[in-house]
Structure formats: structure tokens, C-alpha cells
Amino acid sequence: MFNKYVSLSIPCNDSFKNIVAKYNQDEIEVLEGITELEHIGKIKKFNFNCRYVVLIPAEDLLYRSLAIQPKNDFKISEQQIFSQLNQNGIEFENEYYYDYLDNNPQSDQKSKEIKLFAAEKEQLDPLTAVLDKNRNNYLVSALPVVIYSVINGLRDEANFLLYYKFGGDYTVLLVENNYLELVRSSIKKSELKEELEKIKKYYLNVKKSKLSLLEGSSELLDLDNFVNLKEDDFVFLSSLLWCVSRC
């Protein structure tokens, strides 16, 4: 079986972090990979069989929780989203790329809660320009959403706080009843312990919710959970958690 590659890239302040995993039928190897943006897509062997993944960190994202009443039972009008975001001279649909998580309402609720993540086009366009020739072979997503998806698939807890380090700072996510909440990003190491205590006390005293606390690192990988995963998924998840824990 030929070698295959996965390139996982995360812009970080003025730098660019990247991890490349090489795998075949017998082994998976994590490589240091590319460290400069202009090199992406220019390594010949990556052009044909590399899955590129670009993840935008929390501090570079526009994040909003929006309550929207669907026009019908099946679809939310994007104009409903835009009308809440087009403020202060911003033309959201023209200036941002976006995605959102749609939390289904309770049976007695008429509105849906939207968790929206967006990044400025000015930031994303330079990152993906060299990948456009491989348009069907790359994915752009939000780092908090991907980490949430990974951990949610590995843990049995319905409610927990997850913190992870990236670029020298920390981000805190809340997972409650399998829904994601971005609590805070850009937390300094010196502030982390106090901030985590404040967050835990808030949810315990105000929300009456006792939350377990997880650190986003490679230690969360319980290999037994990967037995039934496809090879591609194993490489991607391993690369992601390796990258987060090493930053």
C-alpha cells in the first residue's frame, strides 16, 4: 500500500503551526512537516494524496450564540442570521466565511439556538489560495468545533469543561448535554487556575451543574476507542491531539 499523508495546519498569531502524518497499511508516523505558509501545496508528493485540514483557533473566530425562530420545521433562513450580525457597518455575508451548529429545540420551544463560528475572508483567503487547485481535498473548520467533536466521541460524560493550550494561551470549552459552548479564549497560563475555578463555581452555583474538568492533550487518547475507527480517522484524530498538546 502506498504512503498517504494528512496535513493539519493551524494559524497562530504571526506564525503557522503544521503537523503532517504519514501512514500506510503497517504504521503511522508523525512528521514535523511544513512550518511556513508559502510551502503548503508545493511539496510534490502532497499534491496528489494529501488531505489538507486548516483549523482556525478560537481567538481568531467570531463566535455568537443566536436564538432564531425557523420559518418552517426544517430550515433556518440565512437572512435571519445575517440580520443579527450586520451591525456596525459589517456586511457579514461579504466579509466572513462561516459555519454553525444547529441545536434542535425542545418540544416546547419555538426557537433554535445557533452556535455560529466565522472567520474573516481576509484571513482565510491567503491560507487557502495555494490549496485551491486541490479544492476537493481540503477542509477549513474551527479548532474548537473539531476538538469538541473529537473529545465528544471519546468520552462518556454528557457535561464537562475542556481546556487546551494553543500558541501559549488557553481556551476553555463547555460541553453540556452534547452541545458546545465556547467559554473563553486567550487565557494566560498565570490566569488559568483561577479562571477554571471561577468557571466551575459559576456553573455549580448558578447552573447547578457539577462539571468534570478535562485537559486537551494526547493523554485523552484511549487507544481502545480507536479499534473500530477507519485508518484515516485515526491519523486525523491522533495528529490533532498531538498538535494541541505540543503547542
C-alpha atoms as a PDB file:
ATOM      1  CA  MET A   1       0.000   0.000   0.000  1.00  0.00           C
ATOM      2  CA  PHE A   2       1.317   3.454  -0.897  1.00  0.00           C
ATOM      3  CA  ASN A   3       2.064   6.054   1.749  1.00  0.00           C
ATOM      4  CA  LYS A   4      -0.694   8.578   2.394  1.00  0.00           C
ATOM      5  CA  TYR A   5      -0.393  11.943   4.104  1.00  0.00           C
ATOM      6  CA  VAL A   6      -2.599  14.181   6.214  1.00  0.00           C
ATOM      7  CA  SER A   7      -1.572  17.825   6.664  1.00  0.00           C
ATOM      8  CA  LEU A   8      -3.110  19.575   9.678  1.00  0.00           C
ATOM      9  CA  SER A   9      -2.423  23.329   9.775  1.00  0.00           C
ATOM     10  CA  ILE A  10      -3.389  25.957  12.357  1.00  0.00           C
ATOM     11  CA  PRO A  11      -2.586  29.679  12.001  1.00  0.00           C
ATOM     12  CA  CYS A  12      -1.257  31.028  15.284  1.00  0.00           C
ATOM     13  CA  ASN A  13      -0.712  34.767  15.753  1.00  0.00           C
ATOM     14  CA  ASP A  14       2.065  35.621  13.290  1.00  0.00           C
ATOM     15  CA  SER A  15       3.253  32.024  12.909  1.00  0.00           C
ATOM     16  CA  PHE A  16       1.827  28.923  11.331  1.00  0.00           C
ATOM     17  CA  LYS A  17       1.769  25.532  13.044  1.00  0.00           C
ATOM     18  CA  ASN A  18       1.552  22.399  10.968  1.00  0.00           C
ATOM     19  CA  ILE A  19       1.703  18.674  11.588  1.00  0.00           C
ATOM     20  CA  VAL A  20       1.927  16.032   8.894  1.00  0.00           C
ATOM     21  CA  ALA A  21       1.068  12.389   9.495  1.00  0.00           C
ATOM     22  CA  LYS A  22       2.283   9.713   7.080  1.00  0.00           C
ATOM     23  CA  TYR A  23       0.629   6.332   7.143  1.00  0.00           C
ATOM     24  CA  ASN A  24       0.413   3.058   5.267  1.00  0.00           C
ATOM     25  CA  GLN A  25      -1.016  -0.355   5.992  1.00  0.00           C
ATOM     26  CA  ASP A  26       1.625  -1.151   8.594  1.00  0.00           C
ATOM     27  CA  GLU A  27       2.405   2.021  10.518  1.00  0.00           C
ATOM     28  CA  ILE A  28       1.561   5.633  11.271  1.00  0.00           C
ATOM     29  CA  GLU A  29       4.355   8.164  11.544  1.00  0.00           C
ATOM     30  CA  VAL A  30       4.041  11.778  12.703  1.00  0.00           C
ATOM     31  CA  LEU A  31       6.339  14.140  10.805  1.00  0.00           C
ATOM     32  CA  GLU A  32       7.328  17.699  11.665  1.00  0.00           C
ATOM     33  CA  GLY A  33       6.139  18.789   8.256  1.00  0.00           C
ATOM     34  CA  ILE A  34       5.762  22.276   6.848  1.00  0.00           C
ATOM     35  CA  THR A  35       6.351  25.337   9.006  1.00  0.00           C
ATOM     36  CA  GLU A  36       5.803  28.183   6.543  1.00  0.00           C
ATOM     37  CA  LEU A  37       2.569  29.039   4.808  1.00  0.00           C
ATOM     38  CA  GLU A  38       4.067  29.521   1.355  1.00  0.00           C
ATOM     39  CA  HIS A  39       5.343  25.925   1.337  1.00  0.00           C
ATOM     40  CA  ILE A  40       1.885  24.369   1.584  1.00  0.00           C
ATOM     41  CA  GLY A  41       0.860  22.657  -1.619  1.00  0.00           C
ATOM     42  CA  LYS A  42       4.340  22.905  -3.134  1.00  0.00           C
ATOM     43  CA  ILE A  43       5.659  19.547  -1.974  1.00  0.00           C
ATOM     44  CA  LYS A  44       5.034  17.295  -4.937  1.00  0.00           C
ATOM     45  CA  LYS A  45       4.071  14.141  -3.059  1.00  0.00           C
ATOM     46  CA  PHE A  46       1.393  16.061  -1.113  1.00  0.00           C
ATOM     47  CA  ASN A  47      -0.309  17.402  -4.209  1.00  0.00           C
ATOM     48  CA  PHE A  48      -1.882  14.093  -5.154  1.00  0.00           C
ATOM     49  CA  ASN A  49      -2.715  12.220  -1.969  1.00  0.00           C
ATOM     50  CA  CYS A  50      -2.667  14.644   0.957  1.00  0.00           C
ATOM     51  CA  ARG A  51      -5.768  15.625   2.860  1.00  0.00           C
ATOM     52  CA  TYR A  52      -5.214  19.212   3.970  1.00  0.00           C
ATOM     53  CA  VAL A  53      -7.020  20.441   7.078  1.00  0.00           C
ATOM     54  CA  VAL A  54      -6.881  24.114   8.107  1.00  0.00           C
ATOM     55  CA  LEU A  55      -8.242  24.870  11.586  1.00  0.00           C
ATOM     56  CA  ILE A  56      -8.897  28.403  12.845  1.00  0.00           C
ATOM     57  CA  PRO A  57      -8.147  28.905  16.578  1.00  0.00           C
ATOM     58  CA  ALA A  58     -10.712  30.393  18.948  1.00  0.00           C
ATOM     59  CA  GLU A  59      -9.088  33.806  19.312  1.00  0.00           C
ATOM     60  CA  ASP A  60      -9.342  34.403  15.547  1.00  0.00           C
ATOM     61  CA  LEU A  61     -13.018  33.490  15.336  1.00  0.00           C
ATOM     62  CA  LEU A  62     -16.203  35.489  15.527  1.00  0.00           C
ATOM     63  CA  TYR A  63     -18.372  33.407  17.863  1.00  0.00           C
ATOM     64  CA  ARG A  64     -22.042  34.043  18.569  1.00  0.00           C
ATOM     65  CA  SER A  65     -24.948  32.204  20.170  1.00  0.00           C
ATOM     66  CA  LEU A  66     -28.119  33.211  18.336  1.00  0.00           C
ATOM     67  CA  ALA A  67     -31.755  32.378  19.071  1.00  0.00           C
ATOM     68  CA  ILE A  68     -33.623  32.080  15.776  1.00  0.00           C
ATOM     69  CA  GLN A  69     -37.173  31.033  15.014  1.00  0.00           C
ATOM     70  CA  PRO A  70     -37.189  28.875  11.860  1.00  0.00           C
ATOM     71  CA  LYS A  71     -39.521  29.846   9.034  1.00  0.00           C
ATOM     72  CA  ASN A  72     -40.520  26.204   8.859  1.00  0.00           C
ATOM     73  CA  ASP A  73     -39.721  22.997  10.742  1.00  0.00           C
ATOM     74  CA  PHE A  74     -36.794  22.095   8.546  1.00  0.00           C
ATOM     75  CA  LYS A  75     -34.772  25.141   7.569  1.00  0.00           C
ATOM     76  CA  ILE A  76     -33.325  28.285   9.062  1.00  0.00           C
ATOM     77  CA  SER A  77     -33.098  31.215   6.677  1.00  0.00           C
ATOM     78  CA  GLU A  78     -29.552  32.523   6.491  1.00  0.00           C
ATOM     79  CA  GLN A  79     -31.004  36.015   6.188  1.00  0.00           C
ATOM     80  CA  GLN A  80     -32.226  35.553   9.760  1.00  0.00           C
ATOM     81  CA  ILE A  81     -28.604  35.036  10.790  1.00  0.00           C
ATOM     82  CA  PHE A  82     -27.306  37.955   8.748  1.00  0.00           C
ATOM     83  CA  SER A  83     -29.878  40.366  10.176  1.00  0.00           C
ATOM     84  CA  GLN A  84     -28.497  39.781  13.684  1.00  0.00           C
ATOM     85  CA  LEU A  85     -24.874  40.156  12.612  1.00  0.00           C
ATOM     86  CA  ASN A  86     -24.904  43.044  10.136  1.00  0.00           C
ATOM     87  CA  GLN A  87     -24.096  45.729  12.674  1.00  0.00           C
ATOM     88  CA  ASN A  88     -21.523  48.499  12.978  1.00  0.00           C
ATOM     89  CA  GLY A  89     -21.105  48.694   9.218  1.00  0.00           C
ATOM     90  CA  ILE A  90     -20.211  44.997   8.832  1.00  0.00           C
ATOM     91  CA  GLU A  91     -21.597  43.187   5.793  1.00  0.00           C
ATOM     92  CA  PHE A  92     -21.349  39.740   7.296  1.00  0.00           C
ATOM     93  CA  GLU A  93     -22.123  37.645   4.214  1.00  0.00           C
ATOM     94  CA  ASN A  94     -19.497  39.530   2.191  1.00  0.00           C
ATOM     95  CA  GLU A  95     -16.724  39.763   4.788  1.00  0.00           C
ATOM     96  CA  TYR A  96     -16.827  36.389   6.578  1.00  0.00           C
ATOM     97  CA  TYR A  97     -16.787  32.674   5.919  1.00  0.00           C
ATOM     98  CA  TYR A  98     -18.925  30.899   8.469  1.00  0.00           C
ATOM     99  CA  ASP A  99     -20.439  27.674   9.720  1.00  0.00           C
ATOM    100  CA  TYR A 100     -22.826  26.963  12.536  1.00  0.00           C
ATOM    101  CA  LEU A 101     -24.021  24.213  14.840  1.00  0.00           C
ATOM    102  CA  ASP A 102     -27.789  23.889  14.926  1.00  0.00           C
ATOM    103  CA  ASN A 103     -29.089  22.833  18.339  1.00  0.00           C
ATOM    104  CA  ASN A 104     -32.525  21.285  17.925  1.00  0.00           C
ATOM    105  CA  PRO A 105     -35.175  22.880  20.147  1.00  0.00           C
ATOM    106  CA  GLN A 106     -37.050  21.133  22.941  1.00  0.00           C
ATOM    107  CA  SER A 107     -40.569  20.088  22.070  1.00  0.00           C
ATOM    108  CA  ASP A 108     -41.999  23.100  23.898  1.00  0.00           C
ATOM    109  CA  GLN A 109     -39.627  25.620  22.319  1.00  0.00           C
ATOM    110  CA  LYS A 110     -40.267  27.533  19.119  1.00  0.00           C
ATOM    111  CA  SER A 111     -36.750  28.874  18.553  1.00  0.00           C
ATOM    112  CA  LYS A 112     -33.489  27.181  17.680  1.00  0.00           C
ATOM    113  CA  GLU A 113     -30.146  28.028  19.201  1.00  0.00           C
ATOM    114  CA  ILE A 114     -27.388  28.587  16.661  1.00  0.00           C
ATOM    115  CA  LYS A 115     -23.706  28.381  17.614  1.00  0.00           C
ATOM    116  CA  LEU A 116     -22.034  30.367  14.857  1.00  0.00           C
ATOM    117  CA  PHE A 117     -18.310  30.372  14.098  1.00  0.00           C
ATOM    118  CA  ALA A 118     -16.942  32.728  11.451  1.00  0.00           C
ATOM    119  CA  ALA A 119     -13.555  33.899  10.192  1.00  0.00           C
ATOM    120  CA  GLU A 120     -12.710  36.946   8.135  1.00  0.00           C
ATOM    121  CA  LYS A 121     -12.212  36.324   4.434  1.00  0.00           C
ATOM    122  CA  GLU A 122      -9.072  38.468   4.578  1.00  0.00           C
ATOM    123  CA  GLN A 123      -7.573  35.896   6.933  1.00  0.00           C
ATOM    124  CA  LEU A 124      -8.714  32.740   5.176  1.00  0.00           C
ATOM    125  CA  ASP A 125      -8.112  33.620   1.535  1.00  0.00           C
ATOM    126  CA  PRO A 126      -4.282  33.697   1.812  1.00  0.00           C
ATOM    127  CA  LEU A 127      -4.340  30.382   3.706  1.00  0.00           C
ATOM    128  CA  THR A 128      -6.315  28.537   1.057  1.00  0.00           C
ATOM    129  CA  ALA A 129      -5.032  30.223  -2.113  1.00  0.00           C
ATOM    130  CA  VAL A 130      -2.343  27.593  -2.667  1.00  0.00           C
ATOM    131  CA  LEU A 131      -4.812  24.793  -1.940  1.00  0.00           C
ATOM    132  CA  ASP A 132      -7.486  25.844  -4.430  1.00  0.00           C
ATOM    133  CA  LYS A 133      -6.104  23.534  -7.104  1.00  0.00           C
ATOM    134  CA  ASN A 134      -6.914  20.700  -4.670  1.00  0.00           C
ATOM    135  CA  ARG A 135     -10.355  22.109  -3.893  1.00  0.00           C
ATOM    136  CA  ASN A 136     -11.935  18.737  -3.166  1.00  0.00           C
ATOM    137  CA  ASN A 137      -9.105  17.676  -0.909  1.00  0.00           C
ATOM    138  CA  TYR A 138      -9.038  20.259   1.865  1.00  0.00           C
ATOM    139  CA  LEU A 139     -11.229  21.266   4.759  1.00  0.00           C
ATOM    140  CA  VAL A 140     -11.424  24.530   6.702  1.00  0.00           C
ATOM    141  CA  SER A 141     -13.024  24.384  10.127  1.00  0.00           C
ATOM    142  CA  ALA A 142     -12.904  25.897  13.616  1.00  0.00           C
ATOM    143  CA  LEU A 143     -10.417  24.363  16.033  1.00  0.00           C
ATOM    144  CA  PRO A 144     -12.879  24.421  18.999  1.00  0.00           C
ATOM    145  CA  VAL A 145     -15.523  22.601  16.942  1.00  0.00           C
ATOM    146  CA  VAL A 146     -13.118  19.878  15.837  1.00  0.00           C
ATOM    147  CA  ILE A 147     -11.725  19.377  19.345  1.00  0.00           C
ATOM    148  CA  TYR A 148     -15.286  19.172  20.657  1.00  0.00           C
ATOM    149  CA  SER A 149     -16.166  16.586  18.010  1.00  0.00           C
ATOM    150  CA  VAL A 150     -13.082  14.528  18.819  1.00  0.00           C
ATOM    151  CA  ILE A 151     -13.490  14.543  22.599  1.00  0.00           C
ATOM    152  CA  ASN A 152     -17.244  14.058  22.426  1.00  0.00           C
ATOM    153  CA  GLY A 153     -16.610  10.855  20.519  1.00  0.00           C
ATOM    154  CA  LEU A 154     -14.104   9.610  23.089  1.00  0.00           C
ATOM    155  CA  ARG A 155     -15.767  10.482  26.395  1.00  0.00           C
ATOM    156  CA  ASP A 156     -18.924   9.164  28.016  1.00  0.00           C
ATOM    157  CA  GLU A 157     -19.607  12.303  30.068  1.00  0.00           C
ATOM    158  CA  ALA A 158     -22.570  14.393  28.966  1.00  0.00           C
ATOM    159  CA  ASN A 159     -21.295  17.526  30.733  1.00  0.00           C
ATOM    160  CA  PHE A 160     -17.694  18.655  31.100  1.00  0.00           C
ATOM    161  CA  LEU A 161     -15.265  21.539  30.791  1.00  0.00           C
ATOM    162  CA  LEU A 162     -12.348  21.084  28.419  1.00  0.00           C
ATOM    163  CA  TYR A 163      -9.326  23.348  28.333  1.00  0.00           C
ATOM    164  CA  TYR A 164      -6.454  23.183  25.892  1.00  0.00           C
ATOM    165  CA  LYS A 165      -3.306  25.141  25.158  1.00  0.00           C
ATOM    166  CA  PHE A 166      -2.527  26.641  21.789  1.00  0.00           C
ATOM    167  CA  GLY A 167       0.002  29.296  20.884  1.00  0.00           C
ATOM    168  CA  GLY A 168       0.933  29.862  24.533  1.00  0.00           C
ATOM    169  CA  ASP A 169      -2.630  30.651  25.663  1.00  0.00           C
ATOM    170  CA  TYR A 170      -5.548  28.507  26.773  1.00  0.00           C
ATOM    171  CA  THR A 171      -9.114  28.099  25.560  1.00  0.00           C
ATOM    172  CA  VAL A 172     -11.986  26.737  27.673  1.00  0.00           C
ATOM    173  CA  LEU A 173     -14.917  24.878  26.114  1.00  0.00           C
ATOM    174  CA  LEU A 174     -18.108  23.732  27.805  1.00  0.00           C
ATOM    175  CA  VAL A 175     -19.865  20.602  26.597  1.00  0.00           C
ATOM    176  CA  GLU A 176     -23.333  20.370  28.131  1.00  0.00           C
ATOM    177  CA  ASN A 177     -25.833  17.734  27.039  1.00  0.00           C
ATOM    178  CA  ASN A 178     -23.678  17.207  23.941  1.00  0.00           C
ATOM    179  CA  TYR A 179     -23.843  20.884  22.952  1.00  0.00           C
ATOM    180  CA  LEU A 180     -20.782  23.066  22.585  1.00  0.00           C
ATOM    181  CA  GLU A 181     -20.208  26.424  24.255  1.00  0.00           C
ATOM    182  CA  LEU A 182     -17.040  28.475  23.789  1.00  0.00           C
ATOM    183  CA  VAL A 183     -16.492  29.852  27.306  1.00  0.00           C
ATOM    184  CA  ARG A 184     -13.307  31.883  26.926  1.00  0.00           C
ATOM    185  CA  SER A 185     -10.135  32.033  24.845  1.00  0.00           C
ATOM    186  CA  SER A 186      -6.721  33.732  25.141  1.00  0.00           C
ATOM    187  CA  ILE A 187      -6.251  32.832  28.821  1.00  0.00           C
ATOM    188  CA  LYS A 188      -2.684  33.269  30.068  1.00  0.00           C
ATOM    189  CA  LYS A 189      -1.023  30.407  31.949  1.00  0.00           C
ATOM    190  CA  SER A 190      -0.765  32.549  35.081  1.00  0.00           C
ATOM    191  CA  GLU A 191      -4.546  33.126  34.969  1.00  0.00           C
ATOM    192  CA  LEU A 192      -5.609  29.582  34.090  1.00  0.00           C
ATOM    193  CA  LYS A 193      -6.039  28.030  37.552  1.00  0.00           C
ATOM    194  CA  GLU A 194      -8.066  30.957  38.902  1.00  0.00           C
ATOM    195  CA  GLU A 195     -10.163  31.175  35.733  1.00  0.00           C
ATOM    196  CA  LEU A 196     -11.023  27.464  35.791  1.00  0.00           C
ATOM    197  CA  GLU A 197     -12.092  27.714  39.440  1.00  0.00           C
ATOM    198  CA  LYS A 198     -14.314  30.707  38.666  1.00  0.00           C
ATOM    199  CA  ILE A 199     -15.945  28.904  35.746  1.00  0.00           C
ATOM    200  CA  LYS A 200     -16.552  25.717  37.758  1.00  0.00           C
ATOM    201  CA  LYS A 201     -18.053  27.685  40.673  1.00  0.00           C
ATOM    202  CA  TYR A 202     -20.318  29.630  38.326  1.00  0.00           C
ATOM    203  CA  TYR A 203     -21.816  26.513  36.772  1.00  0.00           C
ATOM    204  CA  LEU A 204     -22.113  24.801  40.156  1.00  0.00           C
ATOM    205  CA  ASN A 205     -23.750  27.723  41.978  1.00  0.00           C
ATOM    206  CA  VAL A 206     -25.787  29.313  39.182  1.00  0.00           C
ATOM    207  CA  LYS A 207     -26.483  26.445  36.782  1.00  0.00           C
ATOM    208  CA  LYS A 208     -26.485  23.707  39.458  1.00  0.00           C
ATOM    209  CA  SER A 209     -24.195  21.696  37.223  1.00  0.00           C
ATOM    210  CA  LYS A 210     -21.132  19.881  38.574  1.00  0.00           C
ATOM    211  CA  LEU A 211     -18.685  19.571  35.697  1.00  0.00           C
ATOM    212  CA  SER A 212     -15.687  17.320  35.288  1.00  0.00           C
ATOM    213  CA  LEU A 213     -12.560  19.049  34.002  1.00  0.00           C
ATOM    214  CA  LEU A 214     -10.519  17.646  31.110  1.00  0.00           C
ATOM    215  CA  GLU A 215      -7.210  18.807  29.705  1.00  0.00           C
ATOM    216  CA  GLY A 216      -6.947  18.656  25.930  1.00  0.00           C
ATOM    217  CA  SER A 217      -3.808  16.635  25.357  1.00  0.00           C
ATOM    218  CA  SER A 218      -2.705  13.344  23.872  1.00  0.00           C
ATOM    219  CA  GLU A 219      -3.427  11.680  27.236  1.00  0.00           C
ATOM    220  CA  LEU A 220      -7.108  11.799  26.310  1.00  0.00           C
ATOM    221  CA  LEU A 221      -6.401   9.211  23.617  1.00  0.00           C
ATOM    222  CA  ASP A 222      -7.599   5.849  24.889  1.00  0.00           C
ATOM    223  CA  LEU A 223      -6.437   3.524  22.136  1.00  0.00           C
ATOM    224  CA  ASP A 224      -9.266   1.082  22.803  1.00  0.00           C
ATOM    225  CA  ASN A 225     -11.626   3.691  21.392  1.00  0.00           C
ATOM    226  CA  PHE A 226      -9.834   3.595  18.049  1.00  0.00           C
ATOM    227  CA  VAL A 227     -10.233  -0.099  17.334  1.00  0.00           C
ATOM    228  CA  ASN A 228     -13.257   0.415  15.084  1.00  0.00           C
ATOM    229  CA  LEU A 229     -12.199   3.705  13.529  1.00  0.00           C
ATOM    230  CA  LYS A 230     -11.132   3.877   9.936  1.00  0.00           C
ATOM    231  CA  GLU A 231      -7.443   4.425   9.325  1.00  0.00           C
ATOM    232  CA  ASP A 232      -7.993   7.963   8.031  1.00  0.00           C
ATOM    233  CA  ASP A 233      -9.885   8.916  11.181  1.00  0.00           C
ATOM    234  CA  PHE A 234      -7.155   7.562  13.428  1.00  0.00           C
ATOM    235  CA  VAL A 235      -4.496   9.601  11.658  1.00  0.00           C
ATOM    236  CA  PHE A 236      -6.567  12.762  11.788  1.00  0.00           C
ATOM    237  CA  LEU A 237      -7.529  12.490  15.458  1.00  0.00           C
ATOM    238  CA  SER A 238      -4.040  11.493  16.548  1.00  0.00           C
ATOM    239  CA  SER A 239      -2.499  14.374  14.615  1.00  0.00           C
ATOM    240  CA  LEU A 240      -4.978  16.861  16.062  1.00  0.00           C
ATOM    241  CA  LEU A 241      -4.418  15.960  19.708  1.00  0.00           C
ATOM    242  CA  TRP A 242      -0.671  15.674  19.174  1.00  0.00           C
ATOM    243  CA  CYS A 243      -0.633  19.159  17.690  1.00  0.00           C
ATOM    244  CA  VAL A 244      -2.674  20.700  20.509  1.00  0.00           C
ATOM    245  CA  SER A 245      -0.647  19.085  23.281  1.00  0.00           C
ATOM    246  CA  ARG A 246       2.676  20.095  21.724  1.00  0.00           C
ATOM    247  CA  CYS A 247       1.830  23.771  21.138  1.00  0.00           C
END
